[in-house]
Amino acid sequence: MKKFSKVLALVLAISLVLTCFAACGTVKSTKVKVIDLPLSTEEYAFAVAQGNTEFLGKVNTFLAKIKGDGTFDKICDNYFGNGTPLAIESATLDETKEQLVVATSTGFEPFEMVDANGKYSGVDLEIAYYLAQELGQELVIQDMDFEAVVNSVQSGKSDIGMAGLSVTPDRQKVVTFSDSYYNASQVVIAMEDDTTFNDCKTGEDVAAILVKLGSDKKIGCQAGTTGELYIKGDEDYGFDGLAAEAAPYKYVALAITAMQQGQVSYVIADNGPAKAITEKLNAQ
């Protein structure tokens, strides 16, 4: 990933201060790592209002097109490879114009980000950019808390939710999902010197350790995400839940910073953002 979001820039500044203290010998290393063993199997898709079958058809046709002509691979290469991310500007909402209104939640690298100049980037938002072009509409990006994205689509305030949304039974009750475009999973983020999961070979091994954590432990997550559902438990999604307390934060990066400060024991997050964010935090 080539560009920082404003959120990650702030977290990097905090992490830099912690690292300076570490250099003075007052605290341990603040570097973190991803335990890259999946706790779940999920699919990302875009959310549209129930009953909007014509628009849903256009979205699915567009997804098939960009997967077939190489555009989707090119977008992914901009964030997972050597490509250059697109800097995207949002138009101003104007109901008199033909516009594609996208509900998103930045701070979820590498899928949705915004820089200090208000320019957007990310896998989802580049797809949104090309979708707007395909539809012949202006692109309006509405940045909000992750928990508000689905509601924005359900209420008709936004045309589509593009925010690294995992397809879950609860969300399917209120919105309709497009065809999937990315396979995801929940993973654990730990401090680099933590050896708890060193002998784990599978996600089941990791889960067996997590389930033994007591109620005195806290696990960080991004509020409203599948990571929070995994910790708290969700019958529809097949998550039994943990005894450890869920500690939700507005962004994954803030949850990691809380772990660096000793406020939570671990963080559970989507694998793509987990890898992107930890890489940037460790590189500063």
Protein backbone atom coordinates (compact mmCIF):
# COMPACT_ATOMS: atom_id res chain seq x y z
CA MET A 1 0.00 0.00 0.00
CA LYS A 2 1.43 3.35 -1.01
CA LYS A 3 -0.63 5.98 0.82
CA PHE A 4 -1.40 6.64 4.50
CA SER A 5 -4.84 7.51 5.78
CA LYS A 6 -5.26 10.33 8.27
CA VAL A 7 -6.17 7.80 10.95
CA LEU A 8 -3.10 5.67 10.38
CA ALA A 9 -0.89 8.77 10.30
CA LEU A 10 -2.14 9.71 13.77
CA VAL A 11 -1.61 6.20 15.08
CA LEU A 12 1.90 6.15 13.61
CA ALA A 13 2.70 9.33 15.51
CA ILE A 14 1.52 7.72 18.75
CA SER A 15 3.47 4.58 17.96
CA LEU A 16 6.60 6.65 17.30
CA VAL A 17 6.39 8.11 20.79
CA LEU A 18 6.06 4.62 22.25
CA THR A 19 9.06 3.45 20.24
CA CYS A 20 11.13 6.36 21.56
CA PHE A 21 10.33 5.27 25.10
CA ALA A 22 11.31 1.73 24.16
CA ALA A 23 14.67 2.98 22.89
CA CYS A 24 15.27 4.53 26.30
CA GLY A 25 14.68 1.16 27.92
CA THR A 26 11.51 2.21 29.75
CA VAL A 27 9.11 -0.10 27.87
CA LYS A 28 9.28 -3.22 25.76
CA SER A 29 9.32 -3.25 21.97
CA THR A 30 6.13 -1.90 20.44
CA LYS A 31 6.37 -3.97 17.27
CA VAL A 32 3.41 -6.21 16.49
CA LYS A 33 2.74 -9.30 14.36
CA VAL A 34 -0.15 -11.05 12.67
CA ILE A 35 -0.87 -14.67 13.59
CA ASP A 36 -1.73 -15.57 10.01
CA LEU A 37 -3.98 -18.53 10.77
CA PRO A 38 -7.65 -17.96 9.90
CA LEU A 39 -10.29 -18.03 12.62
CA SER A 40 -13.12 -17.78 10.08
CA THR A 41 -13.94 -17.92 6.38
CA GLU A 42 -15.71 -14.83 5.03
CA GLU A 43 -16.53 -13.06 1.80
CA TYR A 44 -16.59 -9.32 1.13
CA ALA A 45 -19.42 -7.94 -0.98
CA PHE A 46 -21.16 -4.61 -1.58
CA ALA A 47 -24.46 -3.77 0.10
CA VAL A 48 -27.47 -2.34 -1.74
CA ALA A 49 -31.01 -1.66 -0.59
CA GLN A 50 -33.37 -4.60 -0.59
CA GLY A 51 -35.65 -4.57 -3.60
CA ASN A 52 -33.27 -2.54 -5.76
CA THR A 53 -32.81 -5.43 -8.15
CA GLU A 54 -32.06 -3.32 -11.22
CA PHE A 55 -29.14 -1.58 -9.54
CA LEU A 56 -27.92 -4.84 -8.01
CA GLY A 57 -27.84 -6.35 -11.48
CA LYS A 58 -25.74 -3.47 -12.77
CA VAL A 59 -23.28 -3.86 -9.88
CA ASN A 60 -22.90 -7.60 -10.45
CA THR A 61 -22.49 -7.13 -14.21
CA PHE A 62 -19.79 -4.52 -13.53
CA LEU A 63 -17.97 -6.80 -11.08
CA ALA A 64 -17.93 -9.60 -13.64
CA LYS A 65 -16.63 -7.18 -16.27
CA ILE A 66 -13.67 -5.86 -14.22
CA LYS A 67 -12.74 -9.36 -13.10
CA GLY A 68 -12.76 -10.49 -16.71
CA ASP A 69 -10.83 -7.62 -18.29
CA GLY A 70 -8.05 -7.39 -15.70
CA THR A 71 -9.17 -4.14 -14.06
CA PHE A 72 -9.82 -5.82 -10.71
CA ASP A 73 -6.36 -7.42 -10.70
CA LYS A 74 -4.84 -4.03 -11.52
CA ILE A 75 -6.66 -2.41 -8.61
CA CYS A 76 -5.49 -5.11 -6.22
CA ASP A 77 -1.92 -4.70 -7.48
CA ASN A 78 -2.10 -1.02 -6.50
CA TYR A 79 -2.40 -2.08 -2.85
CA PHE A 80 -0.99 -5.59 -2.59
CA GLY A 81 1.70 -5.27 -5.26
CA ASN A 82 3.76 -2.62 -7.04
CA GLY A 83 1.02 -0.50 -8.59
CA THR A 84 0.22 3.11 -7.79
CA PRO A 85 -3.01 3.80 -5.88
CA LEU A 86 -5.50 6.14 -7.47
CA ALA A 87 -6.16 9.43 -5.65
CA ILE A 88 -9.92 9.91 -5.77
CA GLU A 89 -11.95 13.06 -5.16
CA SER A 90 -15.53 12.97 -3.98
CA ALA A 91 -18.14 15.19 -5.60
CA THR A 92 -20.47 17.21 -3.40
CA LEU A 93 -23.84 15.60 -2.78
CA ASP A 94 -26.44 17.20 -5.05
CA GLU A 95 -29.81 15.51 -5.51
CA THR A 96 -30.35 17.34 -8.81
CA LYS A 97 -27.45 15.46 -10.39
CA GLU A 98 -26.89 11.87 -11.44
CA GLN A 99 -24.66 10.63 -8.64
CA LEU A 100 -23.47 7.35 -7.16
CA VAL A 101 -23.54 7.84 -3.38
CA VAL A 102 -21.19 5.43 -1.61
CA ALA A 103 -21.25 4.76 2.12
CA THR A 104 -17.81 3.82 3.43
CA SER A 105 -15.64 3.97 6.54
CA THR A 106 -12.02 4.98 6.09
CA GLY A 107 -9.20 3.80 8.30
CA PHE A 108 -9.59 0.25 6.98
CA GLU A 109 -6.38 -0.13 4.98
CA PRO A 110 -6.01 -1.17 2.22
CA PHE A 111 -9.70 -1.10 1.32
CA GLU A 112 -10.69 2.45 2.22
CA MET A 113 -8.49 5.38 3.20
CA VAL A 114 -8.43 9.15 3.10
CA ASP A 115 -5.35 11.36 3.29
CA ALA A 116 -4.81 14.76 4.88
CA ASN A 117 -5.90 16.48 1.67
CA GLY A 118 -9.23 14.71 1.53
CA LYS A 119 -8.21 12.40 -1.32
CA TYR A 120 -9.59 8.88 -1.09
CA SER A 121 -7.95 5.60 -2.06
CA GLY A 122 -8.33 1.89 -1.42
CA VAL A 123 -9.48 -1.25 -3.18
CA ASP A 124 -13.17 -0.59 -2.56
CA LEU A 125 -13.03 3.07 -3.49
CA GLU A 126 -11.16 2.46 -6.72
CA ILE A 127 -13.89 -0.02 -7.62
CA ALA A 128 -16.42 2.71 -6.73
CA TYR A 129 -14.57 5.16 -8.99
CA TYR A 130 -14.81 2.87 -12.00
CA LEU A 131 -18.39 1.87 -11.17
CA ALA A 132 -19.43 5.53 -11.22
CA GLN A 133 -17.75 5.92 -14.61
CA GLU A 134 -19.55 2.82 -15.90
CA LEU A 135 -22.88 4.26 -14.76
CA GLY A 136 -22.10 7.73 -16.12
CA GLN A 137 -22.52 9.29 -12.67
CA GLU A 138 -20.54 11.51 -10.33
CA LEU A 139 -18.98 9.71 -7.40
CA VAL A 140 -19.98 10.91 -3.93
CA ILE A 141 -18.12 9.28 -1.05
CA GLN A 142 -19.75 9.52 2.36
CA ASP A 143 -17.27 8.64 5.11
CA MET A 144 -18.88 7.47 8.35
CA ASP A 145 -18.44 5.13 11.29
CA PHE A 146 -18.35 1.52 10.13
CA GLU A 147 -21.44 0.69 12.19
CA ALA A 148 -23.46 3.25 10.22
CA VAL A 149 -22.67 1.97 6.71
CA VAL A 150 -25.35 -0.72 6.45
CA ASN A 151 -27.98 1.56 8.00
CA SER A 152 -27.14 4.29 5.49
CA VAL A 153 -27.86 1.89 2.63
CA GLN A 154 -30.95 0.43 4.28
CA SER A 155 -32.44 3.89 4.83
CA GLY A 156 -31.72 5.00 1.26
CA LYS A 157 -29.26 7.73 2.23
CA SER A 158 -26.58 5.95 0.20
CA ASP A 159 -26.86 3.87 -2.95
CA ILE A 160 -24.27 1.30 -2.00
CA GLY A 161 -22.09 0.29 0.93
CA MET A 162 -18.45 -0.33 0.02
CA ALA A 163 -16.52 -0.80 3.23
CA GLY A 164 -14.88 -4.21 3.43
CA LEU A 165 -18.28 -5.65 4.36
CA SER A 166 -18.37 -9.33 5.21
CA VAL A 167 -21.61 -11.04 4.26
CA THR A 168 -23.30 -11.96 7.55
CA PRO A 169 -26.79 -13.25 8.36
CA ASP A 170 -27.66 -10.13 10.37
CA ARG A 171 -26.71 -7.81 7.53
CA GLN A 172 -28.58 -9.94 5.01
CA LYS A 173 -31.75 -9.27 6.96
CA VAL A 174 -31.65 -5.56 6.09
CA VAL A 175 -29.65 -5.21 2.85
CA THR A 176 -28.92 -7.26 -0.25
CA PHE A 177 -25.35 -8.17 -1.11
CA SER A 178 -23.69 -8.19 -4.49
CA ASP A 179 -21.59 -11.07 -5.73
CA SER A 180 -18.51 -11.46 -3.56
CA TYR A 181 -15.19 -10.02 -4.69
CA TYR A 182 -12.71 -10.85 -1.91
CA ASN A 183 -12.15 -13.74 0.50
CA ALA A 184 -11.36 -12.68 4.04
CA SER A 185 -10.87 -14.15 7.50
CA GLN A 186 -10.40 -13.03 11.08
CA VAL A 187 -6.88 -13.26 12.50
CA VAL A 188 -5.16 -12.41 15.76
CA ILE A 189 -2.69 -9.53 16.09
CA ALA A 190 -0.21 -9.88 18.94
CA MET A 191 2.89 -8.15 20.23
CA GLU A 192 5.98 -9.30 18.34
CA ASP A 193 7.62 -10.83 21.41
CA ASP A 194 4.48 -12.74 22.47
CA THR A 195 5.13 -16.50 22.17
CA THR A 196 1.62 -17.69 23.05
CA PHE A 197 0.74 -18.82 19.53
CA ASN A 198 4.19 -20.00 18.41
CA ASP A 199 3.23 -23.68 18.29
CA CYS A 200 -0.06 -23.13 16.49
CA LYS A 201 -0.41 -24.75 13.06
CA THR A 202 -4.06 -24.01 12.30
CA GLY A 203 -6.76 -21.51 13.11
CA GLU A 204 -8.30 -24.15 15.35
CA ASP A 205 -5.11 -24.16 17.43
CA VAL A 206 -5.35 -20.38 17.82
CA ALA A 207 -9.05 -20.58 18.72
CA ALA A 208 -8.32 -23.19 21.39
CA ILE A 209 -5.97 -20.74 23.10
CA LEU A 210 -8.36 -17.80 22.82
CA VAL A 211 -11.23 -19.73 24.37
CA LYS A 212 -9.13 -20.35 27.49
CA LEU A 213 -8.62 -16.64 28.14
CA GLY A 214 -10.50 -15.49 31.23
CA SER A 215 -13.01 -12.69 31.62
CA ASP A 216 -10.23 -10.54 33.07
CA LYS A 217 -8.67 -10.30 29.60
CA LYS A 218 -9.63 -7.83 26.89
CA ILE A 219 -9.37 -8.31 23.15
CA GLY A 220 -9.42 -5.28 20.87
CA CYS A 221 -11.40 -5.04 17.64
CA GLN A 222 -13.04 -2.52 15.33
CA ALA A 223 -16.57 -1.72 16.44
CA GLY A 224 -19.31 -3.34 14.38
CA THR A 225 -17.03 -5.74 12.53
CA THR A 226 -16.96 -9.52 12.32
CA GLY A 227 -14.03 -9.38 14.74
CA GLU A 228 -16.34 -8.01 17.42
CA LEU A 229 -18.90 -10.73 16.62
CA TYR A 230 -16.19 -13.37 16.97
CA ILE A 231 -15.31 -12.19 20.48
CA LYS A 232 -18.87 -11.62 21.71
CA GLY A 233 -20.36 -14.63 19.92
CA ASP A 234 -22.96 -14.77 17.15
CA GLU A 235 -25.24 -17.77 16.76
CA ASP A 236 -26.24 -16.99 13.17
CA TYR A 237 -22.62 -16.69 12.11
CA GLY A 238 -21.53 -19.75 14.08
CA PHE A 239 -19.28 -17.93 16.56
CA ASP A 240 -19.44 -19.36 20.10
CA GLY A 241 -17.87 -16.28 21.64
CA LEU A 242 -15.08 -15.90 24.18
CA ALA A 243 -14.96 -15.35 27.91
CA ALA A 244 -12.55 -12.48 27.29
CA GLU A 245 -14.13 -9.04 27.04
CA ALA A 246 -14.48 -7.37 23.64
CA ALA A 247 -12.91 -3.90 23.55
CA PRO A 248 -14.24 -2.17 20.41
CA TYR A 249 -12.45 0.81 18.88
CA LYS A 250 -13.38 3.07 15.99
CA TYR A 251 -10.45 1.80 13.92
CA VAL A 252 -8.25 -1.30 13.87
CA ALA A 253 -5.16 0.88 14.21
CA LEU A 254 -6.48 2.35 17.46
CA ALA A 255 -7.07 -1.16 18.82
CA ILE A 256 -3.47 -2.06 18.00
CA THR A 257 -2.22 1.08 19.73
CA ALA A 258 -4.24 0.09 22.80
CA MET A 259 -2.49 -3.29 22.73
CA GLN A 260 0.90 -1.59 22.49
CA GLN A 261 -0.03 0.39 25.59
CA GLY A 262 -1.07 -2.74 27.48
CA GLN A 263 -4.79 -1.94 27.51
CA VAL A 264 -5.79 -5.12 25.64
CA SER A 265 -4.09 -8.49 25.30
CA TYR A 266 -4.70 -9.06 21.60
CA VAL A 267 -6.58 -7.66 18.62
CA ILE A 268 -8.82 -9.59 16.24
CA ALA A 269 -9.28 -8.10 12.78
CA ASP A 270 -9.75 -8.93 9.10
CA ASN A 271 -6.58 -10.44 7.63
CA GLY A 272 -6.03 -7.87 4.84
CA PRO A 273 -6.23 -4.75 7.02
CA ALA A 274 -4.37 -6.55 9.83
CA LYS A 275 -1.36 -7.15 7.58
CA ALA A 276 -1.41 -3.70 5.97
CA ILE A 277 -1.71 -1.78 9.23
CA THR A 278 0.86 -3.81 11.19
CA GLU A 279 3.35 -3.47 8.33
CA LYS A 280 3.07 0.32 8.42
CA LEU A 281 3.21 0.53 12.20
CA ASN A 282 6.32 -1.66 12.35
CA ALA A 283 8.05 0.26 9.54
CA GLN A 284 7.94 3.69 11.20
